[in-house]
Amino acid sequence: MTSKELLYVEDALGHEDFMKKCAQKASTDLTDPTLSSYMGELVQKHTELFNKFLNLL
């Protein structure tokens, strides 16, 4: 893996981690159960994407 590709993967990991944390916070802050559930699904999706990027290393 080139250094440029490594920088891309590291950047993508940071973005996915940030999105996961935002979705987790929103999930706990929302009072609407439907929206809270949807945000929980987004947490799972961003966790999966984070793990896929991590497996590239």
PDB file of N, CA and C in Angstrom:
ATOM      1  N   MET A   1       0.855  -1.175   0.000  1.00  0.00           N
ATOM      2  CA  MET A   1       0.000   0.000   0.000  1.00  0.00           C
ATOM      3  C   MET A   1       0.902   1.240   0.000  1.00  0.00           C
ATOM      4  N   THR A   2       0.597   2.155  -0.895  1.00  0.00           N
ATOM      5  CA  THR A   2       1.403   3.366  -0.976  1.00  0.00           C
ATOM      6  C   THR A   2       1.059   4.291   0.186  1.00  0.00           C
ATOM      7  N   SER A   3       1.916   5.278   0.398  1.00  0.00           N
ATOM      8  CA  SER A   3       1.675   6.217   1.496  1.00  0.00           C
ATOM      9  C   SER A   3       0.409   7.035   1.239  1.00  0.00           C
ATOM     10  N   LYS A   4       0.132   7.329  -0.021  1.00  0.00           N
ATOM     11  CA  LYS A   4      -1.080   8.084  -0.361  1.00  0.00           C
ATOM     12  C   LYS A   4      -2.327   7.251  -0.055  1.00  0.00           C
ATOM     13  N   GLU A   5      -2.281   5.972  -0.389  1.00  0.00           N
ATOM     14  CA  GLU A   5      -3.406   5.090  -0.085  1.00  0.00           C
ATOM     15  C   GLU A   5      -3.593   4.936   1.425  1.00  0.00           C
ATOM     16  N   LEU A   6      -2.495   4.852   2.145  1.00  0.00           N
ATOM     17  CA  LEU A   6      -2.563   4.746   3.599  1.00  0.00           C
ATOM     18  C   LEU A   6      -3.198   5.993   4.210  1.00  0.00           C
ATOM     19  N   LEU A   7      -2.850   7.152   3.698  1.00  0.00           N
ATOM     20  CA  LEU A   7      -3.449   8.400   4.178  1.00  0.00           C
ATOM     21  C   LEU A   7      -4.950   8.413   3.906  1.00  0.00           C
ATOM     22  N   TYR A   8      -5.359   7.903   2.748  1.00  0.00           N
ATOM     23  CA  TYR A   8      -6.779   7.842   2.416  1.00  0.00           C
ATOM     24  C   TYR A   8      -7.523   6.937   3.401  1.00  0.00           C
ATOM     25  N   VAL A   9      -6.964   5.781   3.674  1.00  0.00           N
ATOM     26  CA  VAL A   9      -7.611   4.834   4.595  1.00  0.00           C
ATOM     27  C   VAL A   9      -7.687   5.427   6.000  1.00  0.00           C
ATOM     28  N   GLU A  10      -6.619   6.067   6.441  1.00  0.00           N
ATOM     29  CA  GLU A  10      -6.631   6.699   7.765  1.00  0.00           C
ATOM     30  C   GLU A  10      -7.684   7.801   7.831  1.00  0.00           C
ATOM     31  N   ASP A  11      -7.804   8.573   6.768  1.00  0.00           N
ATOM     32  CA  ASP A  11      -8.810   9.627   6.711  1.00  0.00           C
ATOM     33  C   ASP A  11     -10.219   9.031   6.750  1.00  0.00           C
ATOM     34  N   ALA A  12     -10.425   7.969   5.992  1.00  0.00           N
ATOM     35  CA  ALA A  12     -11.735   7.308   5.965  1.00  0.00           C
ATOM     36  C   ALA A  12     -12.076   6.728   7.336  1.00  0.00           C
ATOM     37  N   LEU A  13     -11.087   6.177   8.028  1.00  0.00           N
ATOM     38  CA  LEU A  13     -11.312   5.659   9.383  1.00  0.00           C
ATOM     39  C   LEU A  13     -11.761   6.772  10.322  1.00  0.00           C
ATOM     40  N   GLY A  14     -11.117   7.914  10.208  1.00  0.00           N
ATOM     41  CA  GLY A  14     -11.488   9.052  11.043  1.00  0.00           C
ATOM     42  C   GLY A  14     -12.904   9.525  10.766  1.00  0.00           C
ATOM     43  N   HIS A  15     -13.285   9.558   9.501  1.00  0.00           N
ATOM     44  CA  HIS A  15     -14.637   9.979   9.135  1.00  0.00           C
ATOM     45  C   HIS A  15     -15.685   8.996   9.650  1.00  0.00           C
ATOM     46  N   GLU A  16     -15.423   7.718   9.484  1.00  0.00           N
ATOM     47  CA  GLU A  16     -16.383   6.709   9.948  1.00  0.00           C
ATOM     48  C   GLU A  16     -16.511   6.731  11.465  1.00  0.00           C
ATOM     49  N   ASP A  17     -15.405   6.916  12.162  1.00  0.00           N
ATOM     50  CA  ASP A  17     -15.450   7.001  13.627  1.00  0.00           C
ATOM     51  C   ASP A  17     -16.270   8.218  14.065  1.00  0.00           C
ATOM     52  N   PHE A  18     -16.066   9.348  13.397  1.00  0.00           N
ATOM     53  CA  PHE A  18     -16.809  10.561  13.713  1.00  0.00           C
ATOM     54  C   PHE A  18     -18.305  10.368  13.466  1.00  0.00           C
ATOM     55  N   MET A  19     -18.651   9.771  12.323  1.00  0.00           N
ATOM     56  CA  MET A  19     -20.062   9.553  11.999  1.00  0.00           C
ATOM     57  C   MET A  19     -20.712   8.590  12.985  1.00  0.00           C
ATOM     58  N   LYS A  20     -19.971   7.569  13.393  1.00  0.00           N
ATOM     59  CA  LYS A  20     -20.500   6.610  14.367  1.00  0.00           C
ATOM     60  C   LYS A  20     -20.796   7.311  15.692  1.00  0.00           C
ATOM     61  N   LYS A  21     -19.864   8.140  16.148  1.00  0.00           N
ATOM     62  CA  LYS A  21     -20.055   8.856  17.416  1.00  0.00           C
ATOM     63  C   LYS A  21     -21.229   9.826  17.336  1.00  0.00           C
ATOM     64  N   CYS A  22     -21.365  10.520  16.207  1.00  0.00           N
ATOM     65  CA  CYS A  22     -22.500  11.442  16.027  1.00  0.00           C
ATOM     66  C   CYS A  22     -23.821  10.685  16.050  1.00  0.00           C
ATOM     67  N   ALA A  23     -23.866   9.552  15.372  1.00  0.00           N
ATOM     68  CA  ALA A  23     -25.094   8.764  15.333  1.00  0.00           C
ATOM     69  C   ALA A  23     -25.430   8.200  16.711  1.00  0.00           C
ATOM     70  N   GLN A  24     -24.406   7.790  17.474  1.00  0.00           N
ATOM     71  CA  GLN A  24     -24.647   7.292  18.828  1.00  0.00           C
ATOM     72  C   GLN A  24     -25.236   8.377  19.715  1.00  0.00           C
ATOM     73  N   LYS A  25     -24.671   9.573  19.630  1.00  0.00           N
ATOM     74  CA  LYS A  25     -25.170  10.676  20.447  1.00  0.00           C
ATOM     75  C   LYS A  25     -26.595  11.023  20.052  1.00  0.00           C
ATOM     76  N   ALA A  26     -26.864  11.089  18.757  1.00  0.00           N
ATOM     77  CA  ALA A  26     -28.203  11.412  18.290  1.00  0.00           C
ATOM     78  C   ALA A  26     -29.202  10.339  18.723  1.00  0.00           C
ATOM     79  N   SER A  27     -28.778   9.094  18.673  1.00  0.00           N
ATOM     80  CA  SER A  27     -29.653   7.998  19.056  1.00  0.00           C
ATOM     81  C   SER A  27     -30.082   8.110  20.516  1.00  0.00           C
ATOM     82  N   THR A  28     -29.168   8.513  21.383  1.00  0.00           N
ATOM     83  CA  THR A  28     -29.512   8.639  22.800  1.00  0.00           C
ATOM     84  C   THR A  28     -30.255   9.937  23.098  1.00  0.00           C
ATOM     85  N   ASP A  29     -30.016  10.976  22.299  1.00  0.00           N
ATOM     86  CA  ASP A  29     -30.652  12.275  22.546  1.00  0.00           C
ATOM     87  C   ASP A  29     -32.073  12.375  21.998  1.00  0.00           C
ATOM     88  N   LEU A  30     -32.365  11.621  20.942  1.00  0.00           N
ATOM     89  CA  LEU A  30     -33.677  11.727  20.305  1.00  0.00           C
ATOM     90  C   LEU A  30     -34.756  11.079  21.177  1.00  0.00           C
ATOM     91  N   THR A  31     -35.907  11.714  21.211  1.00  0.00           N
ATOM     92  CA  THR A  31     -37.022  11.157  21.974  1.00  0.00           C
ATOM     93  C   THR A  31     -37.974  10.350  21.092  1.00  0.00           C
ATOM     94  N   ASP A  32     -37.966  10.607  19.799  1.00  0.00           N
ATOM     95  CA  ASP A  32     -38.800   9.845  18.865  1.00  0.00           C
ATOM     96  C   ASP A  32     -38.199   8.448  18.700  1.00  0.00           C
ATOM     97  N   PRO A  33     -38.934   7.396  19.065  1.00  0.00           N
ATOM     98  CA  PRO A  33     -38.368   6.042  18.997  1.00  0.00           C
ATOM     99  C   PRO A  33     -38.002   5.599  17.585  1.00  0.00           C
ATOM    100  N   THR A  34     -38.746   6.060  16.590  1.00  0.00           N
ATOM    101  CA  THR A  34     -38.441   5.683  15.207  1.00  0.00           C
ATOM    102  C   THR A  34     -37.115   6.282  14.759  1.00  0.00           C
ATOM    103  N   LEU A  35     -36.931   7.567  15.042  1.00  0.00           N
ATOM    104  CA  LEU A  35     -35.673   8.217  14.662  1.00  0.00           C
ATOM    105  C   LEU A  35     -34.506   7.654  15.461  1.00  0.00           C
ATOM    106  N   SER A  36     -34.737   7.392  16.731  1.00  0.00           N
ATOM    107  CA  SER A  36     -33.679   6.824  17.575  1.00  0.00           C
ATOM    108  C   SER A  36     -33.251   5.457  17.047  1.00  0.00           C
ATOM    109  N   SER A  37     -34.224   4.658  16.639  1.00  0.00           N
ATOM    110  CA  SER A  37     -33.930   3.340  16.082  1.00  0.00           C
ATOM    111  C   SER A  37     -33.145   3.466  14.783  1.00  0.00           C
ATOM    112  N   TYR A  38     -33.539   4.407  13.944  1.00  0.00           N
ATOM    113  CA  TYR A  38     -32.826   4.627  12.681  1.00  0.00           C
ATOM    114  C   TYR A  38     -31.379   5.035  12.937  1.00  0.00           C
ATOM    115  N   MET A  39     -31.176   5.900  13.914  1.00  0.00           N
ATOM    116  CA  MET A  39     -29.811   6.317  14.230  1.00  0.00           C
ATOM    117  C   MET A  39     -29.002   5.133  14.757  1.00  0.00           C
ATOM    118  N   GLY A  40     -29.655   4.232  15.479  1.00  0.00           N
ATOM    119  CA  GLY A  40     -28.977   3.009  15.923  1.00  0.00           C
ATOM    120  C   GLY A  40     -28.528   2.162  14.743  1.00  0.00           C
ATOM    121  N   GLU A  41     -29.370   2.103  13.702  1.00  0.00           N
ATOM    122  CA  GLU A  41     -28.991   1.380  12.486  1.00  0.00           C
ATOM    123  C   GLU A  41     -27.785   2.040  11.813  1.00  0.00           C
ATOM    124  N   LEU A  42     -27.755   3.375  11.833  1.00  0.00           N
ATOM    125  CA  LEU A  42     -26.616   4.088  11.256  1.00  0.00           C
ATOM    126  C   LEU A  42     -25.335   3.812  12.039  1.00  0.00           C
ATOM    127  N   VAL A  43     -25.453   3.686  13.362  1.00  0.00           N
ATOM    128  CA  VAL A  43     -24.286   3.340  14.180  1.00  0.00           C
ATOM    129  C   VAL A  43     -23.717   2.008  13.709  1.00  0.00           C
ATOM    130  N   GLN A  44     -24.597   1.024  13.508  1.00  0.00           N
ATOM    131  CA  GLN A  44     -24.145  -0.290  13.049  1.00  0.00           C
ATOM    132  C   GLN A  44     -23.497  -0.201  11.667  1.00  0.00           C
ATOM    133  N   LYS A  45     -24.108   0.565  10.773  1.00  0.00           N
ATOM    134  CA  LYS A  45     -23.575   0.698   9.415  1.00  0.00           C
ATOM    135  C   LYS A  45     -22.184   1.333   9.426  1.00  0.00           C
ATOM    136  N   HIS A  46     -22.014   2.403  10.201  1.00  0.00           N
ATOM    137  CA  HIS A  46     -20.717   3.070  10.252  1.00  0.00           C
ATOM    138  C   HIS A  46     -19.676   2.213  10.968  1.00  0.00           C
ATOM    139  N   THR A  47     -20.111   1.395  11.912  1.00  0.00           N
ATOM    140  CA  THR A  47     -19.191   0.452  12.557  1.00  0.00           C
ATOM    141  C   THR A  47     -18.702  -0.580  11.549  1.00  0.00           C
ATOM    142  N   GLU A  48     -19.620  -1.076  10.722  1.00  0.00           N
ATOM    143  CA  GLU A  48     -19.238  -2.037   9.681  1.00  0.00           C
ATOM    144  C   GLU A  48     -18.260  -1.416   8.692  1.00  0.00           C
ATOM    145  N   LEU A  49     -18.546  -0.187   8.260  1.00  0.00           N
ATOM    146  CA  LEU A  49     -17.650   0.481   7.318  1.00  0.00           C
ATOM    147  C   LEU A  49     -16.286   0.735   7.940  1.00  0.00           C
ATOM    148  N   PHE A  50     -16.264   1.145   9.213  1.00  0.00           N
ATOM    149  CA  PHE A  50     -15.001   1.351   9.924  1.00  0.00           C
ATOM    150  C   PHE A  50     -14.181   0.071   9.914  1.00  0.00           C
ATOM    151  N   ASN A  51     -14.832  -1.050  10.230  1.00  0.00           N
ATOM    152  CA  ASN A  51     -14.125  -2.329  10.279  1.00  0.00           C
ATOM    153  C   ASN A  51     -13.610  -2.758   8.909  1.00  0.00           C
ATOM    154  N   LYS A  52     -14.377  -2.459   7.853  1.00  0.00           N
ATOM    155  CA  LYS A  52     -13.920  -2.798   6.498  1.00  0.00           C
ATOM    156  C   LYS A  52     -12.664  -1.998   6.138  1.00  0.00           C
ATOM    157  N   PHE A  53     -12.671  -0.711   6.468  1.00  0.00           N
ATOM    158  CA  PHE A  53     -11.473   0.091   6.204  1.00  0.00           C
ATOM    159  C   PHE A  53     -10.305  -0.381   7.042  1.00  0.00           C
ATOM    160  N   LEU A  54     -10.573  -0.739   8.287  1.00  0.00           N
ATOM    161  CA  LEU A  54      -9.507  -1.203   9.181  1.00  0.00           C
ATOM    162  C   LEU A  54      -8.888  -2.489   8.664  1.00  0.00           C
ATOM    163  N   ASN A  55      -9.689  -3.331   8.058  1.00  0.00           N
ATOM    164  CA  ASN A  55      -9.181  -4.613   7.524  1.00  0.00           C
ATOM    165  C   ASN A  55      -8.278  -4.399   6.310  1.00  0.00           C
ATOM    166  N   LEU A  56      -8.313  -3.215   5.707  1.00  0.00           N
ATOM    167  CA  LEU A  56      -7.409  -2.936   4.582  1.00  0.00           C
ATOM    168  C   LEU A  56      -5.972  -2.762   5.043  1.00  0.00           C
ATOM    169  N   LEU A  57      -5.802  -2.468   6.317  1.00  0.00           N
ATOM    170  CA  LEU A  57      -4.441  -2.219   6.823  1.00  0.00           C
ATOM    171  C   LEU A  57      -3.719  -3.477   7.135  1.00  0.00           C
TER     172      LEU A  57
END
